[in-house]
Amino acid sequence: MSSITFAGNLAEEVELRYAQNGRAMARFRVLENRRTRNADGEWVDAEPNAWRVQVWGDMAENVAASCHKGDRVHITGDVQTDVWPDKETGQTRRSQKIDASEVSFSLRFHQVKATKMRGTARKEAAPAEPAADPMPLHPQTSWPSRAETPAPPAHPWETVAIPSDDQPI
């Protein structure tokens, strides 16, 4: 299976559906704008690539709640080709879509405040408790100011002690 990563704008609102087993699935189209240089060396807009994207599970619900038409997003996923016979002509038809493993905003065009979800996104959307600092500083510990910081050692293997009021461990 081929993987792809691209950036583009949502061409429509995200469509959120649920399978019979309750699993969420979101579908949307992303337009990837392309620019090329003409014979005079000027940039011109080329025909955009239109990608059909689908997302499953909790991420589908998060995408549907967060992303809207016109938003600039980055997509990473696997390219899948659907094949079926045309009902009228019997000819074989093909269509490609992206089964996304990651969807994110382009921070070039957005300011985002992330909210970590607890459990499944279908439950009441309550932000998770902030994680405790795994290595908090000792309450009396502070970083030395530039004036207090000693000069780097003359020899690369020499160590420099940083002055501190803390007792050695």
Protein backbone atom coordinates (compact mmCIF):
# COMPACT_ATOMS: atom_id res chain seq x y z
CA MET A 1 0.00 0.00 0.00
CA SER A 2 1.30 3.46 -0.85
CA SER A 3 1.51 6.20 1.77
CA ILE A 4 1.14 9.90 1.10
CA THR A 5 1.52 13.18 3.00
CA PHE A 6 0.13 16.44 1.64
CA ALA A 7 -1.32 19.79 2.68
CA GLY A 8 -4.46 21.39 1.34
CA ASN A 9 -7.74 23.12 2.15
CA LEU A 10 -10.98 21.39 3.12
CA ALA A 11 -13.32 21.76 0.14
CA GLU A 12 -16.43 21.00 2.19
CA GLU A 13 -17.67 20.44 5.71
CA VAL A 14 -16.69 17.13 7.27
CA GLU A 15 -19.39 14.44 7.00
CA LEU A 16 -19.56 12.30 10.17
CA ARG A 17 -21.37 8.94 10.10
CA TYR A 18 -21.58 5.92 12.36
CA ALA A 19 -21.36 2.29 11.28
CA GLN A 20 -23.84 -0.26 12.64
CA ASN A 21 -21.27 -1.26 15.25
CA GLY A 22 -21.12 2.37 16.48
CA ARG A 23 -17.68 3.15 15.04
CA ALA A 24 -17.38 6.71 13.75
CA MET A 25 -16.24 7.48 10.20
CA ALA A 26 -15.62 10.95 8.76
CA ARG A 27 -15.33 11.82 5.08
CA PHE A 28 -14.20 15.04 3.44
CA ARG A 29 -12.42 16.37 0.36
CA VAL A 30 -9.13 18.27 0.44
CA LEU A 31 -7.91 20.44 -2.43
CA GLU A 32 -4.15 20.51 -2.82
CA ASN A 33 -3.23 23.67 -4.71
CA ARG A 34 -0.38 23.40 -7.16
CA ARG A 35 1.67 26.16 -8.74
CA THR A 36 4.00 25.84 -11.71
CA ARG A 37 6.21 28.22 -13.66
CA ASN A 38 5.23 29.17 -17.18
CA ALA A 39 7.67 29.74 -20.08
CA ASP A 40 8.32 33.31 -18.83
CA GLY A 41 9.29 32.02 -15.39
CA GLU A 42 6.15 33.41 -13.72
CA TRP A 43 4.17 31.38 -11.19
CA VAL A 44 0.73 30.28 -12.38
CA ASP A 45 -1.95 28.23 -10.66
CA ALA A 46 -2.29 24.69 -11.99
CA GLU A 47 -5.35 22.46 -11.66
CA PRO A 48 -5.57 21.44 -7.97
CA ASN A 49 -5.48 17.82 -6.84
CA ALA A 50 -8.75 16.81 -5.19
CA TRP A 51 -8.33 14.09 -2.56
CA ARG A 52 -11.16 12.14 -0.92
CA VAL A 53 -10.16 11.46 2.69
CA GLN A 54 -11.68 9.17 5.29
CA VAL A 55 -10.89 8.86 8.99
CA TRP A 56 -12.11 6.29 11.52
CA GLY A 57 -12.83 6.05 15.26
CA ASP A 58 -12.24 8.78 17.82
CA MET A 59 -10.09 10.69 15.34
CA ALA A 60 -13.11 10.93 13.02
CA GLU A 61 -15.12 12.61 15.77
CA ASN A 62 -12.22 14.94 16.61
CA VAL A 63 -11.82 15.92 12.94
CA ALA A 64 -15.56 16.56 12.58
CA ALA A 65 -15.58 18.76 15.69
CA SER A 66 -12.39 20.66 14.80
CA CYS A 67 -12.06 21.01 11.01
CA HIS A 68 -14.30 23.11 8.77
CA LYS A 69 -14.57 24.09 5.12
CA GLY A 70 -11.60 26.22 4.05
CA ASP A 71 -9.28 25.10 6.87
CA ARG A 72 -5.69 24.35 5.84
CA VAL A 73 -4.79 20.81 6.96
CA HIS A 74 -1.97 18.29 6.64
CA ILE A 75 -2.96 14.72 5.85
CA THR A 76 -0.90 11.53 6.17
CA GLY A 77 -2.38 8.21 5.17
CA ASP A 78 -2.57 5.25 2.83
CA VAL A 79 -3.81 5.51 -0.75
CA GLN A 80 -6.63 3.05 -1.44
CA THR A 81 -8.13 2.30 -4.84
CA ASP A 82 -11.81 1.30 -5.05
CA VAL A 83 -12.84 -0.74 -8.11
CA TRP A 84 -16.46 -1.42 -9.16
CA PRO A 85 -18.50 -2.11 -12.31
CA ASP A 86 -20.57 0.80 -13.65
CA LYS A 87 -24.28 -0.08 -13.23
CA GLU A 88 -25.26 1.30 -16.65
CA THR A 89 -22.34 0.39 -18.89
CA GLY A 90 -20.70 -2.48 -17.00
CA GLN A 91 -17.30 -0.78 -17.45
CA THR A 92 -14.81 -1.06 -14.62
CA ARG A 93 -14.55 2.19 -12.64
CA ARG A 94 -11.77 3.23 -10.28
CA SER A 95 -11.52 5.85 -7.60
CA GLN A 96 -8.80 6.64 -5.09
CA LYS A 97 -9.17 7.81 -1.52
CA ILE A 98 -6.86 8.42 1.42
CA ASP A 99 -7.36 6.39 4.60
CA ALA A 100 -5.86 9.00 6.93
CA SER A 101 -3.75 8.05 9.92
CA GLU A 102 -3.03 11.71 10.82
CA VAL A 103 -4.92 14.96 10.27
CA SER A 104 -3.49 18.23 11.60
CA PHE A 105 -3.83 21.96 11.09
CA SER A 106 -1.23 23.96 9.23
CA LEU A 107 0.11 26.34 11.86
CA ARG A 108 1.19 28.62 9.02
CA PHE A 109 -2.44 29.72 8.76
CA HIS A 110 -3.97 28.79 12.14
CA GLN A 111 -3.49 29.35 15.82
CA VAL A 112 -4.61 26.22 17.64
CA LYS A 113 -5.31 25.50 21.28
CA ALA A 114 -5.24 21.74 21.71
CA THR A 115 -7.53 20.01 24.19
CA LYS A 116 -6.68 16.44 25.14
CA MET A 117 -9.78 14.26 25.25
CA ARG A 118 -10.42 11.66 27.95
CA GLY A 119 -11.92 8.34 26.87
CA THR A 120 -13.88 8.45 23.66
CA ALA A 121 -14.75 11.71 21.96
CA ARG A 122 -18.47 10.75 21.99
CA LYS A 123 -18.60 11.15 25.76
CA GLU A 124 -18.96 14.63 27.17
CA ALA A 125 -15.97 16.58 25.89
CA ALA A 126 -14.14 17.40 29.10
CA PRO A 127 -10.50 18.44 29.00
CA ALA A 128 -8.13 16.03 30.70
CA GLU A 129 -6.50 17.05 33.96
CA PRO A 130 -3.12 18.67 33.35
CA ALA A 131 -0.33 16.17 33.82
CA ALA A 132 1.92 16.67 36.80
CA ASP A 133 5.46 17.70 36.00
CA PRO A 134 7.39 14.38 36.04
CA MET A 135 10.52 16.08 37.41
CA PRO A 136 9.53 19.20 39.32
CA LEU A 137 12.32 21.49 40.42
CA HIS A 138 13.16 21.66 44.09
CA PRO A 139 11.15 24.59 45.51
CA GLN A 140 14.32 26.52 46.31
CA THR A 141 16.02 25.75 43.02
CA SER A 142 16.27 28.48 40.44
CA TRP A 143 18.27 28.91 37.29
CA PRO A 144 21.28 31.22 37.63
CA SER A 145 21.15 34.56 35.85
CA ARG A 146 23.61 35.29 33.05
CA ALA A 147 25.72 37.32 35.46
CA GLU A 148 25.96 34.33 37.86
CA THR A 149 26.70 31.78 35.12
CA PRO A 150 30.40 30.91 35.00
CA ALA A 151 32.35 31.12 31.75
CA PRO A 152 32.65 27.93 29.73
CA PRO A 153 35.65 25.75 30.54
CA ALA A 154 38.91 26.38 28.71
CA HIS A 155 39.42 22.69 28.09
CA PRO A 156 36.53 20.66 26.59
CA TRP A 157 36.81 17.92 29.24
CA GLU A 158 36.91 20.31 32.18
CA THR A 159 33.67 20.72 34.15
CA VAL A 160 32.32 23.94 35.57
CA ALA A 161 30.34 24.04 38.79
CA ILE A 162 27.22 26.20 38.85
CA PRO A 163 26.89 27.99 42.19
CA SER A 164 23.88 26.84 44.20
CA ASP A 165 22.52 27.08 47.71
CA ASP A 166 21.18 23.52 47.48
CA GLN A 167 22.76 20.80 49.52
CA PRO A 168 24.43 18.01 47.50
CA ILE A 169 22.30 14.93 47.02
